[in-house]
Protein backbone atom coordinates (compact mmCIF):
# COMPACT_ATOMS: atom_id res chain seq x y z
CA MET A 1 23.87 -24.72 14.17
CA SER A 2 22.15 -21.42 15.10
CA ILE A 3 18.58 -21.20 16.33
CA LEU A 4 17.73 -19.31 13.13
CA ARG A 5 18.68 -22.17 10.79
CA PRO A 6 15.24 -23.90 10.65
CA PHE A 7 13.56 -20.62 9.69
CA LEU A 8 16.18 -19.25 7.28
CA SER A 9 16.90 -22.54 5.50
CA ARG A 10 13.20 -22.82 4.73
CA VAL A 11 12.89 -19.25 3.41
CA ILE A 12 16.17 -18.38 1.64
CA ARG A 13 16.57 -20.37 -1.60
CA GLN A 14 17.70 -17.76 -4.14
CA GLY A 15 20.26 -15.15 -3.28
CA ARG A 16 22.67 -15.65 -0.41
CA LEU A 17 22.40 -14.70 3.23
CA THR A 18 25.42 -15.09 5.51
CA VAL A 19 24.75 -15.00 9.24
CA VAL A 20 27.58 -14.29 11.66
CA ALA A 21 26.82 -15.37 15.23
CA PRO A 22 28.12 -13.49 18.31
CA ASP A 23 30.95 -16.03 18.67
CA GLY A 24 32.04 -15.47 15.06
CA ALA A 25 30.56 -18.70 13.63
CA ARG A 26 29.25 -18.25 10.09
CA GLU A 27 26.32 -19.91 8.32
CA GLN A 28 25.21 -19.44 4.74
CA PHE A 29 21.71 -19.81 3.35
CA GLY A 30 20.61 -19.96 -0.28
CA GLN A 31 22.78 -19.67 -3.35
CA ALA A 32 23.87 -16.88 -5.66
CA ALA A 33 21.17 -16.06 -8.22
CA SER A 34 20.74 -13.30 -10.77
CA GLY A 35 18.57 -10.49 -9.46
CA PHE A 36 18.92 -11.53 -5.81
CA PRO A 37 21.33 -9.77 -3.42
CA ASP A 38 24.19 -11.23 -1.42
CA VAL A 39 23.73 -10.09 2.19
CA THR A 40 25.73 -10.58 5.39
CA ILE A 41 24.34 -9.86 8.84
CA ARG A 42 26.11 -10.06 12.20
CA PHE A 43 24.47 -10.54 15.57
CA VAL A 44 26.04 -8.71 18.51
CA ASN A 45 24.38 -10.99 21.05
CA ARG A 46 22.14 -14.05 21.19
CA ARG A 47 19.24 -12.05 22.56
CA ALA A 48 18.76 -10.56 19.10
CA MET A 49 18.50 -14.04 17.58
CA ARG A 50 15.94 -15.08 20.19
CA ARG A 51 13.92 -11.96 19.44
CA ILE A 52 13.58 -13.02 15.82
CA ILE A 53 12.52 -16.54 16.72
CA LEU A 54 9.78 -15.22 19.02
CA ASP A 55 8.44 -12.69 16.45
CA PRO A 56 10.36 -12.57 13.14
CA ARG A 57 9.21 -9.16 11.92
CA LEU A 58 9.07 -7.20 15.16
CA GLY A 59 12.09 -9.02 16.54
CA ALA A 60 14.22 -8.31 13.46
CA ALA A 61 13.12 -4.68 13.45
CA GLU A 62 13.95 -4.09 17.09
CA ALA A 63 17.25 -5.97 16.88
CA PHE A 64 18.22 -3.77 13.92
CA MET A 65 17.00 -0.59 15.60
CA ASP A 66 18.93 -1.39 18.78
CA GLY A 67 22.14 -2.16 16.89
CA GLU A 68 22.08 -5.82 17.93
CA MET A 69 21.73 -7.00 14.32
CA VAL A 70 24.16 -5.29 11.95
CA VAL A 71 23.99 -5.52 8.16
CA GLU A 72 27.64 -5.79 7.09
CA GLN A 73 27.21 -6.54 3.38
CA GLY A 74 24.36 -4.86 1.57
CA ASP A 75 21.88 -2.86 3.61
CA VAL A 76 18.55 -3.38 5.32
CA MET A 77 16.71 -2.84 2.01
CA ASP A 78 18.68 -5.75 0.55
CA LEU A 79 18.03 -7.93 3.61
CA VAL A 80 14.28 -7.41 3.76
CA GLY A 81 13.99 -7.58 -0.02
CA LEU A 82 15.90 -10.88 -0.14
CA ILE A 83 13.54 -12.54 2.34
CA ARG A 84 10.39 -11.17 0.73
CA ALA A 85 11.53 -11.94 -2.84
CA ASN A 86 11.95 -15.60 -1.88
CA THR A 87 8.30 -15.73 -0.81
CA PRO A 88 6.41 -13.73 -3.48
CA TRP A 89 2.71 -13.20 -2.85
CA ASP A 90 1.92 -13.59 -6.57
CA ARG A 91 3.02 -17.24 -6.47
CA GLY A 92 1.10 -18.09 -3.34
CA ALA A 93 4.18 -18.10 -1.11
CA THR A 94 3.95 -17.01 2.52
CA ILE A 95 6.30 -16.54 5.45
CA LYS A 96 4.75 -18.49 8.31
CA GLU A 97 5.71 -16.24 11.22
CA LEU A 98 2.97 -17.06 13.71
CA SER A 99 0.80 -19.98 14.76
CA TRP A 100 -2.92 -20.03 13.95
CA PHE A 101 -3.60 -18.70 17.44
CA GLY A 102 -0.96 -15.99 17.00
CA GLU A 103 -2.49 -14.89 13.70
CA ARG A 104 -5.95 -14.68 15.25
CA ALA A 105 -4.51 -12.67 18.13
CA GLU A 106 -2.93 -10.22 15.68
CA TRP A 107 -6.25 -9.89 13.87
CA VAL A 108 -8.04 -9.08 17.12
CA LYS A 109 -5.33 -6.58 18.16
CA THR A 110 -5.61 -4.87 14.78
CA ARG A 111 -9.40 -4.57 14.99
CA LEU A 112 -9.36 -3.30 18.55
CA GLY A 113 -6.44 -0.96 17.89
CA SER A 114 -8.11 0.57 14.82
CA ILE A 115 -11.46 1.47 16.39
CA ASN A 116 -10.03 5.00 16.22
CA ARG A 117 -12.47 7.18 18.07
CA GLN A 118 -11.79 10.85 17.50
CA ARG A 119 -9.44 11.43 20.43
CA GLN A 120 -7.42 8.34 19.54
CA SER A 121 -7.29 9.36 15.87
CA ARG A 122 -5.68 12.66 16.85
CA ALA A 123 -3.13 10.85 19.02
CA ASN A 124 -2.30 8.40 16.22
CA VAL A 125 -1.80 11.20 13.71
CA LYS A 126 0.41 13.10 16.17
CA HIS A 127 2.59 9.98 16.60
CA HIS A 128 3.54 9.85 12.92
CA TYR A 129 2.93 13.26 11.35
CA ASP A 130 3.81 15.69 14.12
CA ILE A 131 7.39 14.50 14.53
CA GLY A 132 8.61 17.52 12.59
CA ASN A 133 8.17 18.92 9.10
CA ASP A 134 11.95 19.20 8.75
CA LEU A 135 12.28 15.41 8.69
CA TYR A 136 9.77 15.01 5.88
CA ARG A 137 11.40 17.76 3.83
CA LEU A 138 14.58 15.69 3.71
CA PHE A 139 13.18 12.71 1.82
CA LEU A 140 9.95 13.82 0.11
CA ASP A 141 9.63 15.67 -3.19
CA ASP A 142 9.50 19.45 -3.38
CA ASP A 143 5.70 19.45 -2.92
CA MET A 144 5.91 17.12 0.10
CA GLN A 145 3.62 14.43 -1.32
CA TYR A 146 3.68 11.61 1.24
CA SER A 147 1.85 9.01 -0.84
CA CYS A 148 2.35 6.81 -3.89
CA ALA A 149 3.55 8.69 -6.97
CA TYR A 150 2.43 7.87 -10.52
CA TRP A 151 5.25 6.66 -12.75
CA SER A 152 3.84 7.07 -16.25
CA ARG A 153 7.40 6.95 -17.62
CA PRO A 154 10.35 4.99 -16.21
CA ASP A 155 12.75 7.93 -16.54
CA MET A 156 10.77 10.30 -14.31
CA THR A 157 12.18 12.01 -11.26
CA LEU A 158 10.28 11.74 -7.98
CA GLU A 159 9.11 15.32 -8.49
CA ASP A 160 7.82 14.46 -11.99
CA ALA A 161 6.04 11.34 -10.75
CA GLN A 162 4.32 13.16 -7.91
CA ALA A 163 3.16 15.91 -10.27
CA ALA A 164 1.83 13.19 -12.59
CA LYS A 165 -0.04 11.64 -9.63
CA LYS A 166 -1.79 14.90 -8.88
CA ALA A 167 -2.75 15.40 -12.53
CA HIS A 168 -4.00 11.81 -12.71
CA ILE A 169 -6.21 12.31 -9.66
CA ALA A 170 -7.40 15.75 -10.75
CA ALA A 171 -8.57 14.31 -14.07
CA LYS A 172 -10.60 11.66 -12.26
CA LEU A 173 -12.32 14.36 -10.20
CA ALA A 174 -13.82 15.90 -13.38
CA LEU A 175 -13.25 19.42 -12.09
CA ALA A 176 -15.18 22.47 -13.29
CA PRO A 177 -14.96 26.18 -12.37
CA GLY A 178 -16.99 27.15 -9.34
CA GLN A 179 -16.92 23.75 -7.66
CA ARG A 180 -16.24 23.34 -3.96
CA ILE A 181 -13.69 20.61 -3.19
CA LEU A 182 -12.95 18.78 0.05
CA ASP A 183 -9.53 17.21 0.63
CA ILE A 184 -9.81 14.69 3.50
CA GLY A 185 -6.37 14.18 5.01
CA CYS A 186 -4.76 17.06 3.14
CA GLY A 187 -1.20 16.55 4.38
CA TRP A 188 0.96 19.61 3.80
CA GLY A 189 -1.52 21.07 1.33
CA GLY A 190 0.06 20.13 -1.99
CA MET A 191 -2.99 18.48 -3.55
CA ALA A 192 -5.40 21.22 -2.47
CA ILE A 193 -3.11 23.96 -3.78
CA THR A 194 -2.59 22.11 -7.06
CA LEU A 195 -6.34 21.68 -7.65
CA ALA A 196 -6.88 25.40 -7.10
CA LYS A 197 -4.17 26.19 -9.63
CA LEU A 198 -5.58 23.80 -12.22
CA GLU A 199 -9.16 25.09 -12.09
CA LYS A 200 -11.05 28.01 -10.54
CA VAL A 201 -12.36 25.97 -7.62
CA THR A 202 -12.39 26.51 -3.88
CA VAL A 203 -10.83 23.85 -1.68
CA LEU A 204 -11.10 22.97 1.99
CA GLY A 205 -8.33 20.72 3.25
CA ILE A 206 -8.77 18.98 6.60
CA THR A 207 -6.17 17.29 8.77
CA LEU A 208 -5.61 16.20 12.36
CA SER A 209 -1.94 17.19 12.29
CA GLU A 210 -1.05 20.57 13.75
CA GLU A 211 2.35 20.54 12.03
CA GLN A 212 0.77 19.87 8.64
CA LEU A 213 -1.93 22.49 9.18
CA ALA A 214 0.51 25.28 9.92
CA LEU A 215 2.69 24.55 6.91
CA ALA A 216 -0.27 24.02 4.56
CA ARG A 217 -1.66 27.46 5.42
CA GLN A 218 1.75 29.03 4.91
CA ARG A 219 2.19 27.32 1.54
CA ALA A 220 -1.25 28.41 0.31
CA ALA A 221 -0.36 32.02 1.11
CA VAL A 222 2.98 31.75 -0.70
CA ALA A 223 1.24 30.17 -3.73
CA GLY A 224 -1.23 33.06 -3.87
CA VAL A 225 -4.32 30.88 -3.49
CA ALA A 226 -5.18 31.48 0.16
CA GLU A 227 -8.48 33.15 -0.79
CA ARG A 228 -9.66 29.92 -2.44
CA VAL A 229 -7.78 27.29 -0.42
CA THR A 230 -8.33 26.98 3.32
CA PHE A 231 -7.27 24.38 5.83
CA GLU A 232 -8.83 23.27 9.08
CA LEU A 233 -7.92 21.01 11.99
CA ILE A 234 -11.06 18.87 12.13
CA ASP A 235 -12.14 15.23 12.03
CA TYR A 236 -14.10 14.20 8.93
CA ARG A 237 -16.88 12.95 11.21
CA ASP A 238 -17.32 16.38 12.76
CA LEU A 239 -17.23 18.08 9.36
CA ALA A 240 -19.97 15.78 8.06
CA ALA A 241 -22.28 16.95 10.83
CA ARG A 242 -21.53 20.59 10.02
CA GLU A 243 -21.45 20.79 6.22
CA ALA A 244 -23.78 18.15 4.80
CA GLY A 245 -24.25 18.37 1.03
CA GLN A 246 -21.75 21.20 0.56
CA PHE A 247 -19.03 19.65 -1.63
CA ASP A 248 -19.10 18.95 -5.35
CA ARG A 249 -15.95 16.87 -5.18
CA ILE A 250 -14.03 14.99 -2.48
CA VAL A 251 -10.46 13.77 -2.74
CA SER A 252 -8.70 11.66 -0.14
CA VAL A 253 -5.13 10.52 -0.69
CA GLY A 254 -3.31 8.25 1.75
CA MET A 255 -5.76 8.87 4.58
CA PHE A 256 -8.09 5.86 4.36
CA GLU A 257 -5.31 3.64 5.76
CA HIS A 258 -5.79 5.50 9.07
CA VAL A 259 -9.57 5.11 9.24
CA GLY A 260 -9.58 1.57 10.63
CA ALA A 261 -11.88 -1.24 9.47
CA PRO A 262 -14.45 -0.63 12.24
CA ASN A 263 -14.98 2.87 10.79
CA PHE A 264 -15.15 2.10 7.06
CA GLU A 265 -18.93 2.42 6.89
CA THR A 266 -18.79 5.61 8.97
CA PHE A 267 -16.23 7.10 6.57
CA PHE A 268 -18.28 6.40 3.46
CA ARG A 269 -21.52 7.56 5.10
CA ALA A 270 -19.80 10.82 6.02
CA ALA A 271 -18.39 11.23 2.50
CA ALA A 272 -21.76 10.56 0.88
CA ASN A 273 -23.46 13.05 3.21
CA LEU A 274 -20.85 15.72 2.51
CA MET A 275 -21.31 15.50 -1.28
CA THR A 276 -23.90 17.21 -3.42
CA ALA A 277 -26.37 15.04 -5.33
CA ASP A 278 -23.99 15.03 -8.33
CA GLY A 279 -20.87 14.72 -6.20
CA VAL A 280 -17.79 12.67 -7.13
CA MET A 281 -15.06 11.32 -4.86
CA LEU A 282 -11.61 9.97 -5.64
CA LEU A 283 -10.15 7.70 -2.95
CA HIS A 284 -6.45 6.85 -3.23
CA THR A 285 -5.34 4.24 -0.72
CA ILE A 286 -2.84 1.49 -0.09
CA GLY A 287 -4.67 -1.82 -0.32
CA ARG A 288 -4.25 -5.56 0.05
CA PHE A 289 -4.41 -7.70 -3.07
CA GLY A 290 -5.97 -10.57 -1.17
CA LYS A 291 -8.50 -10.95 1.60
CA PRO A 292 -8.73 -8.80 4.76
CA GLY A 293 -5.85 -9.28 7.18
CA ALA A 294 -4.03 -7.72 10.13
CA THR A 295 -1.47 -4.98 10.69
CA ASP A 296 1.92 -6.36 11.74
CA ALA A 297 3.20 -5.63 15.23
CA PHE A 298 6.12 -3.44 14.09
CA THR A 299 3.87 -1.10 12.12
CA ARG A 300 1.29 -0.94 14.91
CA LYS A 301 3.90 -0.18 17.56
CA TYR A 302 6.31 2.16 15.81
CA ILE A 303 4.92 3.54 12.55
CA PHE A 304 1.13 3.81 12.20
CA PRO A 305 -0.70 3.03 15.45
CA GLY A 306 -4.36 2.50 14.67
CA GLY A 307 -3.59 1.96 10.98
CA TYR A 308 -4.97 -0.80 8.80
CA ILE A 309 -4.42 -1.54 5.09
CA PRO A 310 -7.81 -2.44 3.59
CA ALA A 311 -8.63 -5.17 1.10
CA LEU A 312 -10.54 -4.00 -1.97
CA SER A 313 -13.43 -6.29 -1.03
CA GLU A 314 -14.04 -4.71 2.37
CA THR A 315 -13.57 -1.19 0.99
CA LEU A 316 -16.22 -1.62 -1.68
CA ALA A 317 -18.55 -3.51 0.65
CA ALA A 318 -18.45 -0.60 3.09
CA SER A 319 -19.10 1.97 0.35
CA GLU A 320 -22.15 0.07 -0.88
CA LYS A 321 -23.95 0.74 2.40
CA SER A 322 -24.04 4.45 1.49
CA ARG A 323 -25.17 3.82 -2.10
CA LEU A 324 -22.00 5.17 -3.60
CA ILE A 325 -21.40 3.97 -7.15
CA ALA A 326 -17.84 2.74 -7.81
CA THR A 327 -17.44 4.28 -11.25
CA ASP A 328 -13.79 3.43 -11.78
CA VAL A 329 -11.19 1.27 -10.01
CA GLU A 330 -7.49 1.39 -10.92
CA THR A 331 -4.85 -0.80 -9.31
CA LEU A 332 -1.34 0.67 -9.10
CA ARG A 333 0.94 -2.31 -8.63
CA LEU A 334 4.58 -1.21 -8.57
CA HIS A 335 4.19 2.56 -8.39
CA TYR A 336 4.62 2.72 -4.62
CA ALA A 337 7.69 0.49 -4.71
CA LEU A 338 9.34 2.98 -7.07
CA THR A 339 8.28 5.85 -4.81
CA LEU A 340 9.58 4.16 -1.67
CA ARG A 341 12.96 3.43 -3.22
CA GLU A 342 13.31 7.14 -3.94
CA TRP A 343 12.40 8.01 -0.35
CA TYR A 344 14.84 5.41 0.96
CA ALA A 345 17.69 6.76 -1.18
CA ARG A 346 17.01 10.30 0.02
CA THR A 347 16.81 9.10 3.62
CA LEU A 348 20.23 7.46 3.32
CA ALA A 349 21.63 10.60 1.69
CA HIS A 350 20.53 12.63 4.74
CA GLU A 351 21.62 10.14 7.40
CA ALA A 352 23.78 12.59 9.34
CA GLU A 353 21.02 15.20 9.49
CA ILE A 354 18.34 12.71 10.53
CA VAL A 355 20.56 11.17 13.21
CA ARG A 356 21.37 14.63 14.53
CA MET A 357 17.68 15.54 14.48
CA MET A 358 16.06 12.29 15.68
CA GLY A 359 18.83 9.96 16.89
CA GLY A 360 20.45 6.82 15.49
CA ARG A 361 17.74 4.42 16.68
CA PHE A 362 15.05 6.45 14.92
CA PHE A 363 17.10 6.53 11.72
CA ARG A 364 17.44 2.74 11.74
CA MET A 365 13.73 2.37 12.50
CA TRP A 366 12.84 4.64 9.59
CA CYS A 367 15.10 2.70 7.22
CA PHE A 368 13.51 -0.58 8.33
CA TYR A 369 10.05 0.89 7.78
CA LEU A 370 10.85 2.06 4.25
CA ALA A 371 12.63 -1.21 3.38
CA GLY A 372 9.76 -3.33 4.67
CA ALA A 373 7.20 -1.26 2.81
CA THR A 374 9.20 -1.48 -0.42
CA ALA A 375 9.41 -5.27 -0.16
CA ALA A 376 5.66 -5.47 0.48
CA PHE A 377 4.96 -3.62 -2.78
CA GLU A 378 7.62 -5.41 -4.83
CA SER A 379 6.96 -8.98 -3.72
CA GLY A 380 4.29 -8.95 -1.02
CA GLY A 381 0.54 -8.51 -1.18
CA MET A 382 0.34 -4.70 -1.21
CA GLY A 383 -0.64 -2.28 -3.96
CA ASN A 384 -2.53 0.96 -4.36
CA TYR A 385 -6.13 1.48 -5.36
CA GLN A 386 -7.66 4.59 -6.87
CA ILE A 387 -11.42 4.27 -6.60
CA GLN A 388 -13.71 6.85 -8.16
CA PHE A 389 -17.17 7.09 -6.58
CA ALA A 390 -20.27 9.00 -7.64
CA ARG A 391 -23.62 9.54 -6.00
CA SER A 392 -25.43 9.71 -9.34
CA ARG A 393 -24.99 7.58 -12.46
CA HIS A 394 -25.31 10.81 -14.47
CA ALA A 395 -22.47 12.67 -12.73
CA LEU A 396 -19.66 11.65 -15.09
CA PRO A 397 -19.15 11.19 -18.86
CA LEU A 398 -20.32 7.86 -20.27
CA THR A 399 -16.82 6.71 -21.22
CA ARG A 400 -13.38 7.09 -19.69
CA ASP A 401 -11.99 8.96 -22.72
CA TYR A 402 -12.10 12.28 -20.88
CA LEU A 403 -9.50 11.10 -18.37
CA GLY A 404 -6.57 10.99 -20.79
CA GLU A 405 -7.49 14.27 -22.44
CA VAL A 406 -7.79 16.18 -19.17
CA GLU A 407 -4.72 14.52 -17.64
CA ARG A 408 -2.57 15.57 -20.59
CA ARG A 409 -3.83 19.13 -20.24
CA TYR A 410 -3.15 19.21 -16.51
CA GLY A 411 0.28 17.66 -16.95
CA ASN A 412 1.53 20.40 -19.27
């Protein structure tokens, strides 16, 4: 009997997982079930098995990254999905990975690690976003949208769904000619450029990534909107001190996850101060369905240092301190899972290029990251929130009818 049996026999009930030990001994867990994969993994050495016992998520990730745990039937998406699907968040199931003390320790590490003073924020962004634009071009859509797409139809391509996301967000901003827009965490500039094309507005996009900044400026010039769309390498906290009350609209997509819980109130205070009296903001963020929690060790160490996925409760509580009115809240449940599966498929399709560019260990790490994220959105406690805020109760139409009308116009 392997040291993994107590853990796996408790978790795997539907679907089948075959584990091959270093000496060739085989154990099976679960049983074949419709909709659940049949997966086989092989351990090269016993150290990999011990790693998983000590810390299931980080241990499994590092064993896979180091080639000590090999998926022989199925792939890592199937493996992670099988485990997560057997413990769905919706039904109150959990994977007990750590003791009470261990969970508290993770909570403390997350809070301390996400204090994110300005110098640390720049370092964190550099860790993930400055690893090379060429990598991101391989698995993102043509517009390089690195956030949850909006799947208004099941037959959409990734490109269609990302265009629909931008139209959906633009409609919620209630744009009008002459407005000045701020894009906090502008990425490679796609949202800012799109807004300028949809309406005669001026847009300032800000980022902490030098790689993103250079490409965003280049793309704005190619799109012919450089006179109305500018980009700057600056922290939102510094911008708030410089341009108080200067923006009619603020959009922030996929950036709030990097703010860190200790800075939530600072973020919303800065946003409120940057807006005009009739300003509107649309915040698009990954969020927890349940109560506040902690960032897992794998994500903290390898993917998003300083990152933290917020619960809706703590997000809204922080915004209330700045007297921002939450005028609309939409929960996107499976949209990011669909997006991530597209990114994963494109990553696999470009394996040789990514390995040549970044190395085999990085490729396996990236696959594990995308697989884990997909499982979190399909069966775990993660979703996406789009929260519309206003400073004045008179800033927006009385009903939500305008959203569909404008979105259809922008989508054409």
